[in-house]
C-alpha atoms as a PDB file:
ATOM      1  CA  MET A   1     125.373  64.957  56.979  1.00  0.00           C
ATOM      2  CA  ASN A   2     122.908  65.444  54.129  1.00  0.00           C
ATOM      3  CA  THR A   3     119.263  65.552  55.130  1.00  0.00           C
ATOM      4  CA  PRO A   4     116.532  64.841  52.586  1.00  0.00           C
ATOM      5  CA  ALA A   5     115.910  68.598  52.416  1.00  0.00           C
ATOM      6  CA  SER A   6     119.519  69.359  51.446  1.00  0.00           C
ATOM      7  CA  ASP A   7     120.590  66.195  49.595  1.00  0.00           C
ATOM      8  CA  PRO A   8     120.837  67.109  45.872  1.00  0.00           C
ATOM      9  CA  ASP A   9     120.259  63.475  44.897  1.00  0.00           C
ATOM     10  CA  ALA A  10     117.182  63.050  47.082  1.00  0.00           C
ATOM     11  CA  LEU A  11     114.209  61.684  45.174  1.00  0.00           C
ATOM     12  CA  LEU A  12     111.143  63.839  45.731  1.00  0.00           C
ATOM     13  CA  VAL A  13     107.569  62.686  45.315  1.00  0.00           C
ATOM     14  CA  GLU A  14     105.476  64.645  42.853  1.00  0.00           C
ATOM     15  CA  VAL A  15     103.816  66.800  45.540  1.00  0.00           C
ATOM     16  CA  HIS A  16     107.161  67.964  46.923  1.00  0.00           C
ATOM     17  CA  ALA A  17     108.602  68.573  43.454  1.00  0.00           C
ATOM     18  CA  ALA A  18     105.564  70.669  42.540  1.00  0.00           C
ATOM     19  CA  LYS A  19     105.960  72.671  45.739  1.00  0.00           C
ATOM     20  CA  LEU A  20     109.654  73.305  45.022  1.00  0.00           C
ATOM     21  CA  LEU A  21     108.755  74.567  41.516  1.00  0.00           C
ATOM     22  CA  ALA A  22     105.677  76.499  42.731  1.00  0.00           C
ATOM     23  CA  VAL A  23     103.390  74.695  40.284  1.00  0.00           C
ATOM     24  CA  SER A  24     100.560  72.223  40.753  1.00  0.00           C
ATOM     25  CA  THR A  25     100.934  68.470  40.489  1.00  0.00           C
ATOM     26  CA  ARG A  26      98.566  68.671  37.511  1.00  0.00           C
ATOM     27  CA  THR A  27     101.062  70.950  35.779  1.00  0.00           C
ATOM     28  CA  LEU A  28     103.860  68.422  36.322  1.00  0.00           C
ATOM     29  CA  GLN A  29     101.618  65.668  34.963  1.00  0.00           C
ATOM     30  CA  ALA A  30     100.744  67.742  31.892  1.00  0.00           C
ATOM     31  CA  TRP A  31     104.406  68.520  31.281  1.00  0.00           C
ATOM     32  CA  ARG A  32     105.275  64.818  31.389  1.00  0.00           C
ATOM     33  CA  ARG A  33     102.541  64.011  28.872  1.00  0.00           C
ATOM     34  CA  LYS A  34     103.933  66.722  26.570  1.00  0.00           C
ATOM     35  CA  SER A  35     107.556  65.563  27.075  1.00  0.00           C
ATOM     36  CA  PHE A  36     108.339  68.911  28.661  1.00  0.00           C
ATOM     37  CA  GLY A  37     109.546  69.839  32.103  1.00  0.00           C
ATOM     38  CA  PRO A  38     112.222  68.524  34.382  1.00  0.00           C
ATOM     39  CA  PRO A  39     113.644  65.013  34.084  1.00  0.00           C
ATOM     40  CA  PHE A  40     111.907  62.435  36.247  1.00  0.00           C
ATOM     41  CA  VAL A  41     112.434  58.892  37.445  1.00  0.00           C
ATOM     42  CA  ARG A  42     109.734  56.267  37.098  1.00  0.00           C
ATOM     43  CA  LEU A  43     109.781  53.661  39.869  1.00  0.00           C
ATOM     44  CA  GLY A  44     107.101  51.154  39.021  1.00  0.00           C
ATOM     45  CA  ARG A  45     103.978  53.265  38.710  1.00  0.00           C
ATOM     46  CA  GLY A  46     105.409  56.054  40.844  1.00  0.00           C
ATOM     47  CA  VAL A  47     107.177  59.170  39.633  1.00  0.00           C
ATOM     48  CA  ARG A  48     110.041  60.824  41.484  1.00  0.00           C
ATOM     49  CA  TYR A  49     112.124  63.905  40.789  1.00  0.00           C
ATOM     50  CA  ARG A  50     115.773  64.320  41.792  1.00  0.00           C
ATOM     51  CA  ARG A  51     116.212  67.665  43.562  1.00  0.00           C
ATOM     52  CA  SER A  52     119.364  68.470  41.542  1.00  0.00           C
ATOM     53  CA  ASP A  53     117.493  67.809  38.270  1.00  0.00           C
ATOM     54  CA  LEU A  54     114.723  70.207  39.293  1.00  0.00           C
ATOM     55  CA  LEU A  55     117.163  72.989  40.129  1.00  0.00           C
ATOM     56  CA  SER A  56     119.175  72.420  36.939  1.00  0.00           C
ATOM     57  CA  TRP A  57     116.016  72.461  34.838  1.00  0.00           C
ATOM     58  CA  VAL A  58     114.880  75.728  36.419  1.00  0.00           C
ATOM     59  CA  ALA A  59     118.258  77.286  35.565  1.00  0.00           C
ATOM     60  CA  THR A  60     117.737  76.399  31.890  1.00  0.00           C
ATOM     61  CA  GLN A  61     114.362  78.168  31.823  1.00  0.00           C
ATOM     62  CA  VAL A  62     115.711  81.695  32.278  1.00  0.00           C
ATOM     63  CA  ARG A  63     114.514  83.968  29.473  1.00  0.00           C
ATOM     64  CA  GLY A  64     114.805  87.636  28.608  1.00  0.00           C
ATOM     65  CA  ALA A  65     117.335  90.245  29.644  1.00  0.00           C
ATOM     66  CA  ALA A  66     118.369  88.388  32.796  1.00  0.00           C
ATOM     67  CA  ALA A  67     119.393  85.348  30.739  1.00  0.00           C
ATOM     68  CA  GLY A  68     122.299  87.224  29.186  1.00  0.00           C
ATOM     69  CA  ALA A  69     123.483  88.799  32.413  1.00  0.00           C
END
């Protein structure tokens, strides 16, 4: 059974997404304004992040020597 902590399609609130990425909520907000950062879902006035989207986005951010390995 998938729990919210392990479900890849779980929608995370901004605070939990920021914690997963080790950034502040202000950073996530700034990224959205700049059309940068992980994909997000807008539900009314709320913003949610799918856990799988966050992890996929992080994987695309690898730079330097480790990126080619």
